């Protein structure tokens, strides 16, 4: 793979995707990271550990893709189903070397101190997990007051609630650190949107660069594809199928070999923006109304915004962001005319359509090879699919079916 990116830039940008699950509140992970880092400063931890806590906070909910799960986590101080997303998050990261150290703290970030302290865990692991739990619950207590900027009016009751749970939910040492850090107005003002952006920029400027290899970038893309595809039974394995098919078509259509991995990554990440779509809309088995359609149509713009923030991903962000653009300019969200659409973006769009048609859905079986080619032929005749891409699909139809549905035996 001939392109690279700084791993910290990737983490920061993709934390935006995780925060989209909040729908109307898209900074939860960043606030948790900021609070954990500020408490780390009070504890006198090394700078490297403070940076780790900040990024751990941003990614701590990597196991959450459902808006319903997110609602439970922010609406209830302690929720019976909270452990499921910690297990998912642990399993996503445990085998990815650059972030593997986050796996166990994420696994235990909803475990009470009264349990952690008895399990004889490594002290650093226990501190990391419990500090994220504390910051996460502080953000839950403060959440009702962000929209009207009244957090400062409720600081005393939030601090009292955390203090009340010392020894049971939270380590006494960490509660003490939080009480010191949170006694200033500045601590709470850091959690406002403008302050968050400044904090992010400052952290990036001060953090040593960590160049991610091509294989690592692809692993990150696979991680986030799994998160998106886990959001709904309608989307299971969709991103992987689109990535496989887009790469196949690119190889068949003379795309520069240097772009094969890029288009595969664009396919894996093309639906990141769907994390902001409420579950009930994404799972609706009936036609969407106008409001619901407008909401879901925003997802490709959200994808573009997230990926565009990663230096080195300029082409990937454009191809992924354009995956619903049509040759005549009638697509969305940018209405780019066909002659201005890169071939890779046009391929990705066709791969997205083809995969959706052949994928089994809860309310219908996937189309057969013959049926999907007839469907694509109709799109070609209506000027919605370029003839050369359609011809390539026909020429490699069996391989396309296998690529779009991994494990399927072509008929």
Protein backbone atom coordinates (compact mmCIF):
# COMPACT_ATOMS: atom_id res chain seq x y z
CA UNK A 1 0.00 0.00 0.00
CA UNK A 2 1.54 3.29 -1.09
CA UNK A 3 -0.21 5.70 1.25
CA UNK A 4 -0.04 6.23 4.97
CA UNK A 5 -1.53 8.28 7.79
CA UNK A 6 -0.67 9.21 11.33
CA UNK A 7 -2.40 6.78 13.69
CA UNK A 8 -3.35 9.59 16.10
CA UNK A 9 -5.07 11.49 13.27
CA UNK A 10 -6.97 8.32 12.38
CA UNK A 11 -8.02 7.77 16.01
CA UNK A 12 -9.18 11.37 16.38
CA UNK A 13 -11.15 11.32 13.14
CA UNK A 14 -12.75 7.94 13.72
CA UNK A 15 -13.74 8.94 17.25
CA UNK A 16 -16.06 11.32 15.41
CA UNK A 17 -17.75 8.25 13.93
CA UNK A 18 -18.26 6.69 17.36
CA UNK A 19 -19.69 9.93 18.71
CA UNK A 20 -22.23 10.04 15.86
CA UNK A 21 -24.15 7.28 17.65
CA UNK A 22 -25.26 9.99 20.07
CA UNK A 23 -27.24 11.54 17.15
CA UNK A 24 -27.92 14.89 18.85
CA UNK A 25 -24.88 14.82 21.14
CA UNK A 26 -21.73 14.03 19.20
CA UNK A 27 -18.90 14.63 21.68
CA UNK A 28 -19.34 12.05 24.44
CA UNK A 29 -16.09 10.19 23.79
CA UNK A 30 -14.07 13.38 23.56
CA UNK A 31 -15.46 14.71 26.83
CA UNK A 32 -14.66 11.43 28.57
CA UNK A 33 -11.12 11.61 27.18
CA UNK A 34 -10.65 15.19 28.33
CA UNK A 35 -11.91 14.46 31.85
CA UNK A 36 -9.73 11.34 32.16
CA UNK A 37 -6.67 13.27 30.98
CA UNK A 38 -7.32 16.15 33.38
CA UNK A 39 -7.67 13.71 36.29
CA UNK A 40 -4.46 12.05 35.11
CA UNK A 41 -2.68 15.38 35.44
CA UNK A 42 -3.87 15.72 39.05
CA UNK A 43 -2.58 12.20 39.73
CA UNK A 44 0.84 13.23 38.41
CA UNK A 45 0.87 10.54 35.74
CA UNK A 46 3.52 10.61 32.98
CA UNK A 47 2.63 12.54 29.83
CA UNK A 48 2.51 9.35 27.76
CA UNK A 49 -0.08 7.89 30.15
CA UNK A 50 -2.16 11.07 30.02
CA UNK A 51 -2.16 10.90 26.21
CA UNK A 52 -3.15 7.23 26.41
CA UNK A 53 -6.05 8.04 28.74
CA UNK A 54 -7.26 10.76 26.40
CA UNK A 55 -7.35 8.43 23.40
CA UNK A 56 -8.79 5.60 25.50
CA UNK A 57 -11.61 7.93 26.49
CA UNK A 58 -12.29 8.79 22.86
CA UNK A 59 -12.50 5.12 21.87
CA UNK A 60 -14.00 3.61 25.02
CA UNK A 61 -17.40 3.10 23.37
CA UNK A 62 -16.00 1.42 20.27
CA UNK A 63 -18.38 -1.46 20.96
CA UNK A 64 -21.49 0.74 20.62
CA UNK A 65 -23.21 1.19 17.27
CA UNK A 66 -26.87 1.05 18.30
CA UNK A 67 -28.59 4.32 19.17
CA UNK A 68 -30.81 2.37 21.58
CA UNK A 69 -27.77 1.06 23.47
CA UNK A 70 -26.29 4.56 23.53
CA UNK A 71 -29.52 5.92 24.97
CA UNK A 72 -29.44 3.44 27.84
CA UNK A 73 -25.79 4.24 28.56
CA UNK A 74 -26.35 8.00 28.80
CA UNK A 75 -29.81 7.94 30.40
CA UNK A 76 -29.10 5.51 33.24
CA UNK A 77 -26.23 5.64 35.73
CA UNK A 78 -26.05 1.86 35.89
CA UNK A 79 -27.67 -0.27 33.19
CA UNK A 80 -27.91 -4.05 33.31
CA UNK A 81 -26.90 -4.45 29.67
CA UNK A 82 -23.81 -2.27 29.90
CA UNK A 83 -21.31 -5.14 29.81
CA UNK A 84 -22.21 -6.29 26.30
CA UNK A 85 -20.61 -3.33 24.53
CA UNK A 86 -17.49 -3.64 26.67
CA UNK A 87 -17.06 -7.23 25.50
CA UNK A 88 -17.55 -6.21 21.87
CA UNK A 89 -15.07 -3.36 22.23
CA UNK A 90 -12.48 -5.64 23.83
CA UNK A 91 -12.84 -8.23 21.08
CA UNK A 92 -12.47 -5.59 18.35
CA UNK A 93 -9.16 -4.29 19.70
CA UNK A 94 -7.44 -7.21 21.39
CA UNK A 95 -5.69 -8.45 18.23
CA UNK A 96 -4.89 -5.04 16.74
CA UNK A 97 -1.37 -4.37 18.03
CA UNK A 98 -1.36 -0.53 17.91
CA UNK A 99 -4.47 -0.32 20.13
CA UNK A 100 -4.37 -3.68 21.94
CA UNK A 101 -3.45 -2.02 25.24
CA UNK A 102 -6.90 -0.42 25.21
CA UNK A 103 -8.75 -3.73 24.96
CA UNK A 104 -8.81 -4.73 28.64
CA UNK A 105 -9.49 -1.22 30.03
CA UNK A 106 -12.45 -1.07 27.63
CA UNK A 107 -13.58 -4.53 28.78
CA UNK A 108 -13.70 -3.35 32.40
CA UNK A 109 -14.82 0.26 31.96
CA UNK A 110 -18.30 -0.50 33.34
CA UNK A 111 -17.09 -2.70 36.19
CA UNK A 112 -17.49 -1.33 39.71
CA UNK A 113 -14.41 -0.67 41.83
CA UNK A 114 -15.77 -2.99 44.52
CA UNK A 115 -15.37 -5.80 41.96
CA UNK A 116 -12.16 -4.60 40.31
CA UNK A 117 -10.36 -4.24 43.62
CA UNK A 118 -11.11 -7.87 44.53
CA UNK A 119 -10.11 -9.34 41.16
CA UNK A 120 -6.39 -8.64 41.66
CA UNK A 121 -6.06 -6.99 38.26
CA UNK A 122 -2.90 -5.21 37.26
CA UNK A 123 -3.07 -1.84 39.11
CA UNK A 124 -2.48 0.19 35.94
CA UNK A 125 -5.25 -1.68 34.13
CA UNK A 126 -7.65 -1.21 37.05
CA UNK A 127 -6.84 2.50 37.27
CA UNK A 128 -7.34 3.02 33.53
CA UNK A 129 -10.64 1.16 33.44
CA UNK A 130 -12.06 2.79 36.55
CA UNK A 131 -11.00 6.30 35.57
CA UNK A 132 -12.79 5.92 32.23
CA UNK A 133 -15.85 4.58 34.08
CA UNK A 134 -15.79 7.60 36.39
CA UNK A 135 -15.42 10.12 33.56
CA UNK A 136 -18.08 8.30 31.55
CA UNK A 137 -20.59 8.49 34.41
CA UNK A 138 -19.76 12.15 35.08
CA UNK A 139 -20.63 12.85 31.46
CA UNK A 140 -23.91 10.98 31.90
CA UNK A 141 -24.78 13.13 34.91
CA UNK A 142 -23.88 16.32 33.03
CA UNK A 143 -25.54 15.34 29.72
CA UNK A 144 -28.99 16.90 30.44
CA UNK A 145 -27.35 20.31 30.88
CA UNK A 146 -25.11 20.58 27.81
CA UNK A 147 -27.81 21.74 25.41
CA UNK A 148 -28.78 24.80 27.46
CA UNK A 149 -25.27 25.52 28.84
CA UNK A 150 -26.32 25.12 32.48
CA UNK A 151 -23.70 22.54 33.53
CA UNK A 152 -22.02 25.00 35.87
CA UNK A 153 -25.27 25.33 37.78
CA UNK A 154 -25.25 21.60 38.53
CA UNK A 155 -21.57 20.99 39.33
CA UNK A 156 -22.18 20.58 43.07
CA UNK A 157 -24.79 17.87 42.63
CA UNK A 158 -22.68 16.01 40.03
CA UNK A 159 -19.64 16.04 42.32
CA UNK A 160 -21.76 14.92 45.25
CA UNK A 161 -23.16 12.00 43.24
CA UNK A 162 -19.66 10.80 42.36
CA UNK A 163 -18.46 11.26 45.94
CA UNK A 164 -21.42 9.24 47.16
CA UNK A 165 -20.25 6.26 45.10
CA UNK A 166 -16.67 6.18 46.36
CA UNK A 167 -15.44 2.65 47.20
CA UNK A 168 -18.48 1.08 45.56
CA UNK A 169 -18.31 2.30 41.96
CA UNK A 170 -15.05 4.24 42.00
CA UNK A 171 -11.59 4.08 43.52
CA UNK A 172 -11.07 6.53 46.40
CA UNK A 173 -7.84 7.73 44.78
CA UNK A 174 -9.63 8.49 41.50
CA UNK A 175 -12.56 10.17 43.21
CA UNK A 176 -10.11 12.38 45.08
CA UNK A 177 -8.38 13.28 41.79
CA UNK A 178 -11.72 14.08 40.18
CA UNK A 179 -12.75 16.27 43.11
CA UNK A 180 -9.55 18.27 42.78
CA UNK A 181 -9.74 18.57 38.97
CA UNK A 182 -13.44 19.45 38.89
CA UNK A 183 -13.38 22.14 41.53
CA UNK A 184 -12.55 24.76 38.87
CA UNK A 185 -14.93 26.23 36.32
CA UNK A 186 -12.24 25.65 33.70
CA UNK A 187 -12.62 21.86 34.01
CA UNK A 188 -16.27 22.08 32.98
CA UNK A 189 -15.76 24.78 30.35
CA UNK A 190 -13.26 22.47 28.62
CA UNK A 191 -16.26 20.27 27.79
CA UNK A 192 -17.94 22.91 25.60
CA UNK A 193 -17.75 22.36 21.81
CA UNK A 194 -15.32 25.16 21.03
CA UNK A 195 -13.03 24.16 23.88
CA UNK A 196 -13.11 20.53 22.78
CA UNK A 197 -11.80 21.45 19.33
CA UNK A 198 -9.01 23.53 20.82
CA UNK A 199 -8.11 20.67 23.17
CA UNK A 200 -7.96 18.23 20.25
CA UNK A 201 -5.71 20.50 18.21
CA UNK A 202 -3.41 21.05 21.16
CA UNK A 203 -3.13 17.34 21.88
CA UNK A 204 -2.38 16.53 18.24
CA UNK A 205 0.31 19.20 18.12
CA UNK A 206 1.98 17.83 21.25
CA UNK A 207 1.65 14.11 20.52
CA UNK A 208 4.53 12.37 18.76
CA UNK A 209 3.63 11.15 15.28
CA UNK A 210 2.87 7.44 14.93
CA UNK A 211 2.95 6.45 11.29
CA UNK A 212 0.45 3.70 10.57
CA UNK A 213 1.47 1.09 8.01
CA UNK A 214 -0.78 0.21 5.12
CA UNK A 215 -1.79 -3.07 6.72
CA UNK A 216 -2.63 -1.26 9.97
CA UNK A 217 -4.83 1.23 8.12
CA UNK A 218 -6.69 -1.65 6.52
CA UNK A 219 -7.12 -3.27 9.94
CA UNK A 220 -8.59 -0.05 11.33
CA UNK A 221 -10.96 0.09 8.37
CA UNK A 222 -12.04 -3.51 9.05
CA UNK A 223 -12.66 -2.65 12.72
CA UNK A 224 -14.94 0.23 11.88
CA UNK A 225 -16.69 -1.70 9.13
CA UNK A 226 -17.62 -4.29 11.75
CA UNK A 227 -18.99 -1.54 14.01
CA UNK A 228 -21.14 -0.10 11.22
CA UNK A 229 -22.36 -3.48 10.01
CA UNK A 230 -23.26 -4.54 13.56
CA UNK A 231 -25.65 -1.60 13.84
CA UNK A 232 -28.48 -3.40 12.09
CA UNK A 233 -29.38 -6.86 10.77
CA UNK A 234 -30.01 -5.02 7.50
CA UNK A 235 -26.36 -3.98 7.26
CA UNK A 236 -24.55 -7.10 8.48
CA UNK A 237 -21.48 -7.76 6.27
CA UNK A 238 -22.51 -5.01 3.86
CA UNK A 239 -19.30 -2.99 4.14
CA UNK A 240 -17.07 -6.01 3.62
CA UNK A 241 -19.06 -7.08 0.58
CA UNK A 242 -18.90 -3.60 -0.95
CA UNK A 243 -15.15 -3.42 -0.32
CA UNK A 244 -14.57 -6.82 -1.91
CA UNK A 245 -16.62 -6.02 -4.99
CA UNK A 246 -15.22 -2.51 -5.42
CA UNK A 247 -11.69 -3.91 -5.41
CA UNK A 248 -12.63 -6.64 -7.89
CA UNK A 249 -14.17 -4.14 -10.32
CA UNK A 250 -11.22 -1.77 -9.92
CA UNK A 251 -8.81 -4.57 -10.82
CA UNK A 252 -10.92 -5.48 -13.87
CA UNK A 253 -11.33 -1.89 -15.11
CA UNK A 254 -7.75 -0.74 -15.26
CA UNK A 255 -7.68 1.36 -12.10
CA UNK A 256 -4.09 2.10 -11.06
CA UNK A 257 -2.83 -0.72 -8.83
CA UNK A 258 -1.76 1.93 -6.31
CA UNK A 259 -5.48 2.57 -5.73
CA UNK A 260 -6.61 -1.01 -5.14
CA UNK A 261 -6.12 -0.86 -1.36
CA UNK A 262 -7.52 2.67 -1.23
CA UNK A 263 -10.80 1.70 -2.89
CA UNK A 264 -11.06 -1.34 -0.62
CA UNK A 265 -10.65 0.91 2.43
CA UNK A 266 -13.18 3.37 0.99
CA UNK A 267 -15.60 0.46 0.64
CA UNK A 268 -15.05 -0.64 4.22
CA UNK A 269 -15.66 2.89 5.52
CA UNK A 270 -18.27 4.23 3.09
CA UNK A 271 -21.18 3.91 5.52
CA UNK A 272 -19.50 5.34 8.65
CA UNK A 273 -22.07 8.13 8.64
CA UNK A 274 -24.88 5.62 9.19
CA UNK A 275 -23.84 5.45 12.84
CA UNK A 276 -25.80 8.68 13.29
CA UNK A 277 -28.99 7.20 11.81
CA UNK A 278 -31.43 6.14 14.56
CA UNK A 279 -31.96 2.38 14.74
CA UNK A 280 -35.67 2.62 14.06
CA UNK A 281 -35.03 4.31 10.70
CA UNK A 282 -32.24 1.99 9.57
CA UNK A 283 -34.24 -1.08 10.61
CA UNK A 284 -37.54 0.03 9.09
CA UNK A 285 -38.73 -2.71 6.68
CA UNK A 286 -41.12 -0.35 4.91
CA UNK A 287 -40.62 2.73 2.69
CA UNK A 288 -39.19 5.75 4.52
CA UNK A 289 -41.16 8.96 4.80
CA UNK A 290 -39.62 12.25 3.66
CA UNK A 291 -38.15 13.13 7.07
CA UNK A 292 -36.61 9.69 7.48
CA UNK A 293 -35.20 9.78 3.95
CA UNK A 294 -33.56 13.17 4.60
CA UNK A 295 -31.96 11.79 7.76
CA UNK A 296 -30.54 8.70 6.10
CA UNK A 297 -29.42 10.64 3.02
CA UNK A 298 -27.08 12.68 5.21
CA UNK A 299 -24.93 9.64 6.00
CA UNK A 300 -22.57 9.93 3.03
CA UNK A 301 -21.81 13.56 3.93
CA UNK A 302 -21.06 12.48 7.50
CA UNK A 303 -18.70 9.83 6.10
CA UNK A 304 -16.92 12.45 3.98
CA UNK A 305 -16.55 14.81 6.93
CA UNK A 306 -15.02 12.13 9.14
CA UNK A 307 -12.53 10.78 6.60
CA UNK A 308 -11.62 14.18 5.17
CA UNK A 309 -10.02 15.01 8.52
CA UNK A 310 -7.34 12.33 8.03
CA UNK A 311 -4.27 13.58 6.18
CA UNK A 312 -3.53 11.07 3.44
CA UNK A 313 -7.17 10.02 3.06
CA UNK A 314 -8.14 12.76 0.62
CA UNK A 315 -9.02 10.36 -2.21
CA UNK A 316 -10.57 7.78 0.11
CA UNK A 317 -12.83 10.44 1.66
CA UNK A 318 -13.98 11.68 -1.75
CA UNK A 319 -14.74 8.23 -3.14
CA UNK A 320 -16.59 7.17 0.01
CA UNK A 321 -18.45 10.49 0.28
CA UNK A 322 -19.55 10.28 -3.37
CA UNK A 323 -20.95 6.75 -3.22
CA UNK A 324 -24.54 7.98 -3.70
CA UNK A 325 -23.77 10.45 -6.50
CA UNK A 326 -25.36 9.64 -9.88
CA UNK A 327 -23.95 10.21 -13.39
CA UNK A 328 -26.48 12.95 -14.19
CA UNK A 329 -25.96 14.85 -10.94
CA UNK A 330 -29.19 13.58 -9.40
CA UNK A 331 -27.60 11.79 -6.48
CA UNK A 332 -26.71 13.13 -3.04
CA UNK A 333 -25.35 14.89 -1.02
CA UNK A 334 -23.12 16.96 -3.35
CA UNK A 335 -24.93 16.48 -6.72
CA UNK A 336 -21.63 16.06 -8.54
CA UNK A 337 -21.97 15.57 -12.29
CA UNK A 338 -20.80 12.25 -13.70
CA UNK A 339 -17.89 13.70 -15.64
CA UNK A 340 -16.49 15.08 -12.38
CA UNK A 341 -16.81 11.79 -10.49
CA UNK A 342 -13.60 9.73 -10.25
CA UNK A 343 -13.88 6.23 -11.69
CA UNK A 344 -13.23 4.83 -8.22
CA UNK A 345 -16.26 6.69 -6.82
CA UNK A 346 -18.47 5.42 -9.65
CA UNK A 347 -17.25 1.86 -9.07
CA UNK A 348 -17.93 2.17 -5.34
CA UNK A 349 -21.50 3.33 -6.02
CA UNK A 350 -22.20 0.33 -8.28
CA UNK A 351 -20.64 -2.04 -5.74
CA UNK A 352 -22.89 -0.55 -3.05
CA UNK A 353 -26.04 -1.06 -5.14
CA UNK A 354 -25.10 -4.56 -6.30
CA UNK A 355 -24.21 -5.75 -2.79
CA UNK A 356 -27.45 -4.39 -1.30
CA UNK A 357 -29.46 -6.25 -3.93
CA UNK A 358 -27.80 -9.65 -3.46
CA UNK A 359 -27.62 -9.48 0.34
CA UNK A 360 -30.26 -11.33 2.33
CA UNK A 361 -32.42 -8.96 4.35
CA UNK A 362 -34.77 -9.85 7.21
CA UNK A 363 -37.75 -9.11 4.96
CA UNK A 364 -36.51 -10.66 1.68
CA UNK A 365 -33.95 -13.02 0.22
CA UNK A 366 -31.08 -11.59 -1.80
CA UNK A 367 -31.52 -11.46 -5.56
CA UNK A 368 -30.09 -14.20 -7.76
CA UNK A 369 -27.27 -13.46 -10.21
CA UNK A 370 -29.73 -13.28 -13.09
CA UNK A 371 -32.14 -11.01 -11.23
CA UNK A 372 -29.47 -8.57 -10.03
CA UNK A 373 -27.94 -8.30 -13.50
CA UNK A 374 -31.40 -7.53 -14.89
CA UNK A 375 -31.81 -4.87 -12.21
CA UNK A 376 -28.41 -3.35 -13.06
CA UNK A 377 -29.27 -3.51 -16.78
CA UNK A 378 -32.34 -1.39 -16.09
CA UNK A 379 -30.19 1.15 -14.23
CA UNK A 380 -27.81 1.26 -17.18
CA UNK A 381 -30.69 1.89 -19.61
CA UNK A 382 -31.89 4.75 -17.40
CA UNK A 383 -28.46 6.33 -17.40
CA UNK A 384 -27.88 5.60 -13.70
CA UNK A 385 -24.99 3.15 -14.22
CA UNK A 386 -22.20 3.62 -16.75
CA UNK A 387 -22.24 1.03 -19.57
CA UNK A 388 -18.57 0.11 -19.04
CA UNK A 389 -19.12 -0.70 -15.36
CA UNK A 390 -22.22 -2.72 -16.18
CA UNK A 391 -20.32 -4.63 -18.88
CA UNK A 392 -17.56 -5.44 -16.39
CA UNK A 393 -20.15 -6.71 -13.91
CA UNK A 394 -21.64 -9.01 -16.56
CA UNK A 395 -18.20 -10.30 -17.56
CA UNK A 396 -17.29 -11.27 -13.99
CA UNK A 397 -20.77 -11.95 -12.60
CA UNK A 398 -19.87 -15.15 -10.76
CA UNK A 399 -16.86 -13.55 -9.09
CA UNK A 400 -18.95 -10.47 -8.30
CA UNK A 401 -21.54 -12.58 -6.48
CA UNK A 402 -18.85 -14.26 -4.37
CA UNK A 403 -17.15 -10.93 -3.63
CA UNK A 404 -20.40 -9.26 -2.62
CA UNK A 405 -21.45 -12.16 -0.40
CA UNK A 406 -18.34 -13.77 1.12
CA UNK A 407 -18.84 -17.49 1.47
CA UNK A 408 -21.55 -17.70 -1.18
CA UNK A 409 -21.06 -20.43 -3.78
CA UNK A 410 -21.74 -18.87 -7.18
CA UNK A 411 -24.53 -20.45 -9.16
